């Protein structure tokens, strides 16, 4: 199964590529491409695996993904279609020197930030309005809307998504291995996963597996696994109608020890789970 590189389909005579996905399951292969990707989640919940990190997503979230950054939107299965709108472009879409024009100086910090990837953490309303309009616009109006979108993003509150070095492009064999690892972990993170089990999935020794994973994500396998489990716990804690206890959320997120869950949660989120949950409820 070849998963790298992914070729973004480019319509004839179009430099800005808009793609609308309405599917039960988003494209579920870990992939990377040369284009910068802007994505608005119109409908759907799940986890974004990107570079060396994992982040939850839900309706209304907006993400920017840098070029050559491996990523995967893994949406939860429901009876409704998941829906996202994506825009693809490169810094050379309008010519090699276009974005260096003095008139676009205001956008330079944004273009640098995009390489790390980011999630908009402030108001998404003007950004979402533009993203929803893009599929309906002709080429000139899409071009004009694009720069309005960039201006809004330049001034929006943003949070980086990953420390992944995009120069580390994954080859076909490496991509297959990372795809297998992520597929297994996303499906079985609630279970006990040891090094022997996961390394066998990609036909490697535990020692070779550890080196391989660290080389391509800049973190250990168990660091990644814990982050995935904590992000899942956050999704459960964000469910305001949930009657689950902290202990039940801990167990459903793959932790066998409540004390370890509390410790790892505070380490990553800088707050204990109960306080995190109360903060979410007060915000809504």
Protein backbone atom coordinates (compact mmCIF):
# COMPACT_ATOMS: atom_id res chain seq x y z
CA UNK A 1 0.00 0.00 0.00
CA UNK A 2 1.70 3.15 -1.18
CA UNK A 3 0.82 6.17 0.96
CA UNK A 4 3.53 8.67 0.05
CA UNK A 5 3.56 11.02 -1.65
CA UNK A 6 -0.06 12.06 -2.18
CA UNK A 7 -0.82 13.99 -5.35
CA UNK A 8 -3.45 16.68 -4.89
CA UNK A 9 -5.71 16.59 -8.00
CA UNK A 10 -5.30 19.89 -9.83
CA UNK A 11 -8.13 21.02 -12.12
CA UNK A 12 -7.00 22.43 -15.46
CA UNK A 13 -6.12 26.15 -15.39
CA UNK A 14 -6.69 26.51 -11.64
CA UNK A 15 -3.96 27.57 -9.24
CA UNK A 16 -6.07 27.55 -6.08
CA UNK A 17 -7.43 24.05 -5.53
CA UNK A 18 -10.64 23.71 -3.52
CA UNK A 19 -11.79 20.28 -2.39
CA UNK A 20 -15.07 19.45 -0.66
CA UNK A 21 -15.27 16.13 1.19
CA UNK A 22 -18.59 14.70 2.31
CA UNK A 23 -17.89 11.15 3.37
CA UNK A 24 -18.65 8.69 6.12
CA UNK A 25 -14.88 8.39 6.54
CA UNK A 26 -12.36 11.02 5.46
CA UNK A 27 -9.35 9.88 3.43
CA UNK A 28 -7.80 7.57 6.01
CA UNK A 29 -4.24 7.15 4.81
CA UNK A 30 -1.32 8.98 6.38
CA UNK A 31 -0.13 11.21 3.56
CA UNK A 32 1.90 14.27 2.67
CA UNK A 33 1.94 16.62 -0.28
CA UNK A 34 3.86 19.65 -1.50
CA UNK A 35 0.89 21.98 -1.10
CA UNK A 36 -0.07 24.02 1.95
CA UNK A 37 -3.50 22.89 3.11
CA UNK A 38 -6.22 24.95 4.79
CA UNK A 39 -9.08 22.83 6.13
CA UNK A 40 -12.38 23.81 7.74
CA UNK A 41 -14.22 21.03 9.55
CA UNK A 42 -17.84 21.77 8.71
CA UNK A 43 -19.22 18.61 10.29
CA UNK A 44 -17.41 15.87 12.14
CA UNK A 45 -15.40 14.94 15.19
CA UNK A 46 -12.23 12.95 15.53
CA UNK A 47 -8.47 13.27 15.74
CA UNK A 48 -5.94 14.96 13.50
CA UNK A 49 -2.61 13.14 13.44
CA UNK A 50 0.00 15.53 12.07
CA UNK A 51 3.75 15.14 12.06
CA UNK A 52 4.68 14.24 15.61
CA UNK A 53 1.39 15.26 17.30
CA UNK A 54 -2.28 14.44 17.68
CA UNK A 55 -5.13 16.95 18.10
CA UNK A 56 -8.90 16.56 18.46
CA UNK A 57 -11.17 18.24 15.94
CA UNK A 58 -14.87 19.07 15.86
CA UNK A 59 -17.40 21.16 13.96
CA UNK A 60 -16.06 24.60 13.09
CA UNK A 61 -12.36 23.92 13.62
CA UNK A 62 -9.87 25.39 11.14
CA UNK A 63 -6.41 23.95 10.52
CA UNK A 64 -3.44 24.98 8.40
CA UNK A 65 -1.07 22.16 7.41
CA UNK A 66 2.40 22.91 6.12
CA UNK A 67 3.93 21.42 2.96
CA UNK A 68 5.33 17.89 3.13
CA UNK A 69 3.88 17.32 6.61
CA UNK A 70 2.41 13.82 7.11
CA UNK A 71 -1.16 14.05 8.34
CA UNK A 72 -4.41 12.18 8.69
CA UNK A 73 -7.92 13.31 9.67
CA UNK A 74 -9.39 10.32 11.51
CA UNK A 75 -13.08 11.10 12.05
CA UNK A 76 -15.38 9.21 14.40
CA UNK A 77 -17.93 6.97 12.72
CA UNK A 78 -21.51 8.22 12.99
CA UNK A 79 -24.72 7.90 10.97
CA UNK A 80 -24.09 11.32 9.41
CA UNK A 81 -21.68 12.30 6.66
CA UNK A 82 -18.53 14.07 7.80
CA UNK A 83 -17.91 17.30 5.88
CA UNK A 84 -14.78 19.37 5.38
CA UNK A 85 -13.63 22.01 2.92
CA UNK A 86 -9.94 22.26 2.00
CA UNK A 87 -7.90 24.77 0.04
CA UNK A 88 -4.52 23.81 -1.44
CA UNK A 89 -1.78 26.11 -2.72
CA UNK A 90 2.00 26.59 -2.59
CA UNK A 91 4.18 29.64 -2.03
CA UNK A 92 4.91 29.45 -5.78
CA UNK A 93 1.27 29.16 -6.88
CA UNK A 94 1.37 32.65 -8.40
CA UNK A 95 5.07 32.67 -9.28
CA UNK A 96 8.33 32.17 -7.41
CA UNK A 97 8.54 35.73 -6.06
CA UNK A 98 4.87 36.63 -5.68
CA UNK A 99 4.62 36.34 -1.90
CA UNK A 100 7.82 38.35 -1.44
CA UNK A 101 6.27 41.47 -2.99
CA UNK A 102 6.48 44.50 -0.65
CA UNK A 103 2.70 44.88 -0.86
CA UNK A 104 2.33 41.48 0.84
CA UNK A 105 4.77 42.19 3.67
CA UNK A 106 1.93 41.88 6.18
CA UNK A 107 1.59 38.18 5.29
CA UNK A 108 5.23 37.18 5.79
CA UNK A 109 4.88 36.14 9.46
CA UNK A 110 1.83 34.05 8.55
CA UNK A 111 3.64 32.22 5.77
CA UNK A 112 6.43 31.35 8.18
CA UNK A 113 3.94 30.12 10.78
CA UNK A 114 2.14 27.92 8.23
CA UNK A 115 5.18 25.67 7.88
CA UNK A 116 4.62 24.46 11.46
CA UNK A 117 0.92 24.08 10.89
CA UNK A 118 -1.58 25.72 13.18
CA UNK A 119 -5.12 25.64 14.54
CA UNK A 120 -7.11 28.85 14.84
CA UNK A 121 -8.01 29.23 18.51
CA UNK A 122 -9.90 32.50 18.38
CA UNK A 123 -13.01 33.42 16.39
CA UNK A 124 -13.34 31.33 13.24
CA UNK A 125 -16.48 33.05 11.91
CA UNK A 126 -14.95 35.24 9.14
CA UNK A 127 -12.57 32.44 8.15
CA UNK A 128 -15.37 29.86 8.03
CA UNK A 129 -17.55 32.22 5.99
CA UNK A 130 -14.84 32.52 3.33
CA UNK A 131 -14.07 28.78 3.31
CA UNK A 132 -17.76 27.97 2.82
CA UNK A 133 -17.94 30.41 -0.10
CA UNK A 134 -14.82 29.19 -1.94
CA UNK A 135 -16.40 26.18 -3.73
CA UNK A 136 -19.04 28.46 -5.29
CA UNK A 137 -16.73 31.22 -6.53
CA UNK A 138 -15.25 31.66 -9.99
CA UNK A 139 -11.48 31.97 -10.39
CA UNK A 140 -11.22 35.75 -9.98
CA UNK A 141 -13.53 35.92 -6.97
CA UNK A 142 -11.73 32.95 -5.44
CA UNK A 143 -8.41 34.78 -5.87
CA UNK A 144 -9.80 37.88 -4.17
CA UNK A 145 -11.36 35.82 -1.36
CA UNK A 146 -8.06 33.98 -0.86
CA UNK A 147 -6.22 37.15 0.10
CA UNK A 148 -9.04 38.16 2.41
CA UNK A 149 -8.66 34.76 4.03
CA UNK A 150 -4.90 35.22 4.43
CA UNK A 151 -5.43 38.65 6.00
CA UNK A 152 -7.89 37.23 8.54
CA UNK A 153 -5.54 34.36 9.34
CA UNK A 154 -2.61 36.74 9.79
CA UNK A 155 -4.46 38.45 12.64
CA UNK A 156 -6.20 35.39 14.12
CA UNK A 157 -5.17 33.68 17.35
CA UNK A 158 -3.30 30.53 16.43
CA UNK A 159 -1.66 27.56 18.10
CA UNK A 160 1.15 25.51 16.46
CA UNK A 161 0.33 21.89 15.68
CA UNK A 162 3.64 20.12 15.32
CA UNK A 163 7.42 20.34 15.56
CA UNK A 164 7.82 17.96 12.64
CA UNK A 165 10.67 18.81 10.29
CA UNK A 166 9.02 18.92 6.86
CA UNK A 167 12.39 18.33 5.20
CA UNK A 168 12.15 14.71 6.41
CA UNK A 169 9.99 13.48 3.55
CA UNK A 170 8.81 9.92 4.05
CA UNK A 171 9.53 7.39 1.35
CA UNK A 172 7.05 4.71 0.28
CA UNK A 173 8.31 2.00 2.65
CA UNK A 174 8.63 4.44 5.56
CA UNK A 175 5.17 5.79 4.82
CA UNK A 176 3.68 2.29 4.84
CA UNK A 177 5.22 1.61 8.22
CA UNK A 178 4.00 4.88 9.74
CA UNK A 179 0.54 4.27 8.28
CA UNK A 180 0.44 0.80 9.84
CA UNK A 181 1.62 2.13 13.20
CA UNK A 182 -0.92 4.96 13.31
CA UNK A 183 -3.77 2.75 12.09
CA UNK A 184 -3.09 0.24 14.84
CA UNK A 185 -2.57 2.79 17.60
CA UNK A 186 -5.65 4.89 16.76
CA UNK A 187 -7.75 1.71 16.80
CA UNK A 188 -6.20 0.08 19.89
CA UNK A 189 -5.00 2.97 22.09
CA UNK A 190 -7.53 1.95 24.76
CA UNK A 191 -5.82 -1.44 25.05
CA UNK A 192 -2.47 -2.35 26.52
CA UNK A 193 0.13 -1.85 23.77
CA UNK A 194 3.67 -3.03 24.37
CA UNK A 195 6.74 -2.66 22.19
CA UNK A 196 6.74 -6.28 21.11
CA UNK A 197 3.17 -5.99 19.83
CA UNK A 198 3.59 -2.77 17.89
CA UNK A 199 7.04 -3.55 16.49
CA UNK A 200 5.77 -6.89 15.16
CA UNK A 201 3.12 -5.03 13.15
CA UNK A 202 5.85 -3.45 11.02
CA UNK A 203 8.21 -6.48 11.08
CA UNK A 204 10.88 -4.78 13.17
CA UNK A 205 12.68 -5.56 16.40
CA UNK A 206 11.60 -3.42 19.38
CA UNK A 207 14.96 -1.63 19.37
CA UNK A 208 14.80 -0.87 15.63
CA UNK A 209 11.19 0.21 15.96
CA UNK A 210 12.01 2.70 18.73
CA UNK A 211 14.78 4.26 16.65
CA UNK A 212 12.55 4.38 13.56
CA UNK A 213 9.65 6.05 15.37
CA UNK A 214 11.85 8.58 17.15
CA UNK A 215 13.64 9.43 13.90
CA UNK A 216 10.38 10.24 12.09
CA UNK A 217 8.39 11.91 14.86
CA UNK A 218 11.04 13.44 17.16
CA UNK A 219 9.43 11.70 20.14
CA UNK A 220 9.21 8.21 21.61
CA UNK A 221 6.38 5.88 20.75
CA UNK A 222 5.03 5.98 24.28
CA UNK A 223 5.09 9.79 24.31
CA UNK A 224 2.89 9.72 21.22
CA UNK A 225 0.61 7.05 22.71
CA UNK A 226 0.11 9.04 25.91
CA UNK A 227 -0.68 12.20 23.93
CA UNK A 228 -3.27 10.30 21.90
CA UNK A 229 -4.87 8.93 25.07
CA UNK A 230 -4.94 12.35 26.73
CA UNK A 231 -6.52 13.97 23.67
CA UNK A 232 -9.20 11.26 23.71
CA UNK A 233 -9.79 11.98 27.40
CA UNK A 234 -10.18 15.67 26.55
CA UNK A 235 -12.86 14.81 24.01
CA UNK A 236 -14.74 12.86 26.69
CA UNK A 237 -14.31 15.69 29.19
CA UNK A 238 -15.62 18.14 26.59
CA UNK A 239 -18.93 16.28 26.41
CA UNK A 240 -20.96 18.48 28.69
CA UNK A 241 -23.80 15.95 28.99
CA UNK A 242 -21.39 13.16 29.92
CA UNK A 243 -22.04 11.38 33.19
CA UNK A 244 -18.72 9.57 33.10
CA UNK A 245 -16.52 9.88 36.16
CA UNK A 246 -12.83 10.82 35.91
CA UNK A 247 -11.99 7.19 36.67
CA UNK A 248 -14.21 5.95 33.83
CA UNK A 249 -12.72 8.49 31.42
CA UNK A 250 -9.25 7.39 32.50
CA UNK A 251 -10.08 3.75 31.78
CA UNK A 252 -11.77 4.52 28.45
CA UNK A 253 -8.65 6.43 27.40
CA UNK A 254 -6.35 3.45 27.97
CA UNK A 255 -4.97 4.20 31.43
CA UNK A 256 -4.87 1.44 34.02
CA UNK A 257 -3.94 3.79 36.87
CA UNK A 258 -5.94 6.88 37.81
CA UNK A 259 -2.89 8.42 39.46
CA UNK A 260 -0.86 8.00 36.26
CA UNK A 261 -3.73 9.45 34.25
CA UNK A 262 -3.90 12.53 36.49
CA UNK A 263 -0.12 12.95 36.35
CA UNK A 264 0.12 12.62 32.56
CA UNK A 265 -2.92 14.86 32.02
CA UNK A 266 -1.49 17.65 34.17
CA UNK A 267 1.89 17.29 32.48
CA UNK A 268 0.38 17.87 29.04
CA UNK A 269 -2.53 20.19 29.82
CA UNK A 270 -1.07 22.03 32.85
CA UNK A 271 -4.24 21.34 34.84
CA UNK A 272 -5.85 18.31 36.48
CA UNK A 273 -8.73 16.58 34.59
CA UNK A 274 -11.52 17.72 36.93
CA UNK A 275 -10.48 21.36 36.66
CA UNK A 276 -10.18 21.03 32.88
CA UNK A 277 -13.74 19.65 32.74
CA UNK A 278 -15.10 22.46 34.95
CA UNK A 279 -13.38 25.06 32.80
CA UNK A 280 -14.99 23.60 29.66
CA UNK A 281 -18.44 23.67 31.24
CA UNK A 282 -18.07 27.28 32.39
CA UNK A 283 -17.01 28.28 28.89
CA UNK A 284 -20.27 26.97 27.52
